[in-house]
C-alpha atoms as a PDB file:
ATOM      1  CA  MET A   1      -6.852  -4.009 -48.090  1.00  0.00           C
ATOM      2  CA  ILE A   2      -3.943  -1.826 -49.117  1.00  0.00           C
ATOM      3  CA  GLY A   3      -1.198  -3.246 -51.324  1.00  0.00           C
ATOM      4  CA  LEU A   4       2.193  -1.732 -52.075  1.00  0.00           C
ATOM      5  CA  ILE A   5       4.383  -3.025 -54.880  1.00  0.00           C
ATOM      6  CA  MET A   6       7.311  -1.858 -56.973  1.00  0.00           C
ATOM      7  CA  ILE A   7       7.257  -2.658 -60.678  1.00  0.00           C
ATOM      8  CA  LYS A   8       9.786  -2.316 -63.473  1.00  0.00           C
ATOM      9  CA  VAL A   9       8.388  -1.755 -66.973  1.00  0.00           C
ATOM     10  CA  THR A  10      10.024  -2.111 -70.367  1.00  0.00           C
ATOM     11  CA  PRO A  11      12.308   0.862 -71.103  1.00  0.00           C
ATOM     12  CA  ALA A  12      10.583   3.537 -73.208  1.00  0.00           C
ATOM     13  CA  MET A  13       7.150   2.245 -72.064  1.00  0.00           C
ATOM     14  CA  GLU A  14       7.091   4.153 -68.767  1.00  0.00           C
ATOM     15  CA  ARG A  15       4.838   6.954 -70.022  1.00  0.00           C
ATOM     16  CA  SER A  16       2.166   4.681 -71.511  1.00  0.00           C
ATOM     17  CA  ALA A  17       2.316   2.434 -68.428  1.00  0.00           C
ATOM     18  CA  TYR A  18       1.852   5.473 -66.171  1.00  0.00           C
ATOM     19  CA  ILE A  19      -1.184   6.639 -68.154  1.00  0.00           C
ATOM     20  CA  ASP A  20      -2.765   3.175 -67.967  1.00  0.00           C
ATOM     21  CA  LEU A  21      -2.036   2.862 -64.247  1.00  0.00           C
ATOM     22  CA  GLN A  22      -3.644   6.260 -63.570  1.00  0.00           C
ATOM     23  CA  SER A  23      -6.876   5.072 -65.208  1.00  0.00           C
ATOM     24  CA  ARG A  24      -7.297   2.169 -62.759  1.00  0.00           C
ATOM     25  CA  PRO A  25      -9.508   3.197 -59.816  1.00  0.00           C
ATOM     26  CA  GLU A  26      -7.907   0.619 -57.512  1.00  0.00           C
ATOM     27  CA  ILE A  27      -4.533   2.363 -57.808  1.00  0.00           C
ATOM     28  CA  ILE A  28      -4.674   5.276 -55.413  1.00  0.00           C
ATOM     29  CA  LYS A  29      -1.067   6.492 -55.659  1.00  0.00           C
ATOM     30  CA  ILE A  30       1.752   6.080 -58.167  1.00  0.00           C
ATOM     31  CA  TYR A  31       5.287   7.112 -57.310  1.00  0.00           C
ATOM     32  CA  ARG A  32       7.958   7.315 -60.022  1.00  0.00           C
ATOM     33  CA  LEU A  33      11.173   5.631 -58.918  1.00  0.00           C
ATOM     34  CA  PHE A  34      14.742   5.902 -60.148  1.00  0.00           C
ATOM     35  CA  GLY A  35      16.997   2.873 -60.181  1.00  0.00           C
ATOM     36  CA  GLU A  36      16.021  -0.758 -60.455  1.00  0.00           C
ATOM     37  CA  PHE A  37      12.226  -0.183 -60.453  1.00  0.00           C
ATOM     38  CA  SER A  38      10.028   2.219 -62.437  1.00  0.00           C
ATOM     39  CA  PHE A  39       7.062   2.763 -60.083  1.00  0.00           C
ATOM     40  CA  LEU A  40       5.801   2.183 -56.564  1.00  0.00           C
ATOM     41  CA  LEU A  41       2.070   1.498 -56.630  1.00  0.00           C
ATOM     42  CA  VAL A  42      -0.355   1.939 -53.740  1.00  0.00           C
ATOM     43  CA  MET A  43      -3.489  -0.098 -54.435  1.00  0.00           C
ATOM     44  CA  ARG A  44      -6.765  -0.577 -52.566  1.00  0.00           C
ATOM     45  CA  ALA A  45      -9.162  -3.516 -52.838  1.00  0.00           C
ATOM     46  CA  ARG A  46     -11.770  -5.267 -50.707  1.00  0.00           C
ATOM     47  CA  GLU A  47      -9.788  -8.483 -50.383  1.00  0.00           C
ATOM     48  CA  ARG A  48      -6.337  -9.903 -51.020  1.00  0.00           C
ATOM     49  CA  SER A  49      -7.488 -11.985 -53.997  1.00  0.00           C
ATOM     50  CA  HIS A  50      -8.606  -8.811 -55.785  1.00  0.00           C
ATOM     51  CA  LEU A  51      -5.173  -7.237 -55.194  1.00  0.00           C
ATOM     52  CA  ASP A  52      -3.541 -10.368 -56.655  1.00  0.00           C
ATOM     53  CA  GLN A  53      -5.849 -10.245 -59.686  1.00  0.00           C
ATOM     54  CA  LEU A  54      -5.132  -6.546 -60.217  1.00  0.00           C
ATOM     55  CA  LEU A  55      -1.390  -7.186 -60.081  1.00  0.00           C
ATOM     56  CA  GLU A  56      -1.667  -9.912 -62.718  1.00  0.00           C
ATOM     57  CA  GLU A  57      -3.654  -7.569 -64.994  1.00  0.00           C
ATOM     58  CA  ILE A  58      -1.034  -4.846 -64.541  1.00  0.00           C
ATOM     59  CA  LYS A  59       1.790  -7.243 -65.393  1.00  0.00           C
ATOM     60  CA  VAL A  60       0.172  -8.174 -68.714  1.00  0.00           C
ATOM     61  CA  ALA A  61      -1.079  -4.732 -69.734  1.00  0.00           C
ATOM     62  CA  ASN A  62       1.991  -2.671 -68.888  1.00  0.00           C
ATOM     63  CA  HIS A  63       4.993  -4.641 -70.123  1.00  0.00           C
ATOM     64  CA  VAL A  64       6.127  -5.388 -66.568  1.00  0.00           C
ATOM     65  CA  LEU A  65       9.573  -6.975 -66.541  1.00  0.00           C
ATOM     66  CA  MET A  66       9.893  -7.431 -62.787  1.00  0.00           C
ATOM     67  CA  THR A  67       8.056  -6.836 -59.514  1.00  0.00           C
ATOM     68  CA  GLY A  68       9.379  -6.252 -56.027  1.00  0.00           C
ATOM     69  CA  PRO A  69       7.949  -7.580 -52.770  1.00  0.00           C
ATOM     70  CA  PHE A  70       4.166  -7.262 -52.486  1.00  0.00           C
ATOM     71  CA  LEU A  71       3.253  -5.720 -49.131  1.00  0.00           C
ATOM     72  CA  VAL A  72      -0.353  -5.944 -47.951  1.00  0.00           C
ATOM     73  CA  SER A  73      -2.046  -4.245 -44.998  1.00  0.00           C
ATOM     74  CA  SER A  74      -5.575  -3.938 -43.705  1.00  0.00           C
ATOM     75  CA  ASP A  75      -7.370  -0.606 -44.291  1.00  0.00           C
ATOM     76  CA  GLN A  76      -7.956  -0.513 -40.540  1.00  0.00           C
ATOM     77  CA  ASP A  77      -4.229  -0.538 -39.748  1.00  0.00           C
ATOM     78  CA  PRO A  78      -3.773   2.576 -37.555  1.00  0.00           C
ATOM     79  CA  ASN A  79      -0.136   2.916 -38.679  1.00  0.00           C
ATOM     80  CA  LEU A  80      -1.035   3.256 -42.352  1.00  0.00           C
ATOM     81  CA  GLU A  81      -1.598   6.762 -43.667  1.00  0.00           C
ATOM     82  CA  VAL A  82      -1.993   6.415 -47.404  1.00  0.00           C
ATOM     83  CA  GLY A  83      -1.029   9.580 -49.204  1.00  0.00           C
ATOM     84  CA  SER A  84       1.262  10.953 -46.532  1.00  0.00           C
ATOM     85  CA  PRO A  85       4.826  11.675 -47.641  1.00  0.00           C
ATOM     86  CA  GLY A  86       6.253   8.696 -45.751  1.00  0.00           C
ATOM     87  CA  LEU A  87       3.317   6.367 -46.563  1.00  0.00           C
ATOM     88  CA  CYS A  88       3.142   5.121 -42.975  1.00  0.00           C
ATOM     89  CA  ARG A  89       4.222   6.226 -39.534  1.00  0.00           C
ATOM     90  CA  VAL A  90       6.000   2.922 -38.939  1.00  0.00           C
ATOM     91  CA  CYS A  91       8.355   3.635 -41.858  1.00  0.00           C
ATOM     92  CA  GLN A  92       9.282   7.008 -40.392  1.00  0.00           C
ATOM     93  CA  SER A  93      10.502   5.685 -37.032  1.00  0.00           C
END
């Protein structure tokens, strides 16, 4: 499963949150955002429940003030190209 979520962390905690997020093997990409949210996270797990558990751990450990919609897709989704500039072909059309 692939999960995408935007998170907003406490101001002045972005750097320490980024370092912690980088150390988590389930997080395969972190994009710094400007505006309402601090980061867009691309996560990978075997099942949805593990993605949910990971998100809860991130909320506690990284001073998360708010999260955006949590998008989940199967690893086998042919439209998903994790790591490409647009994240998925569907988003580029």
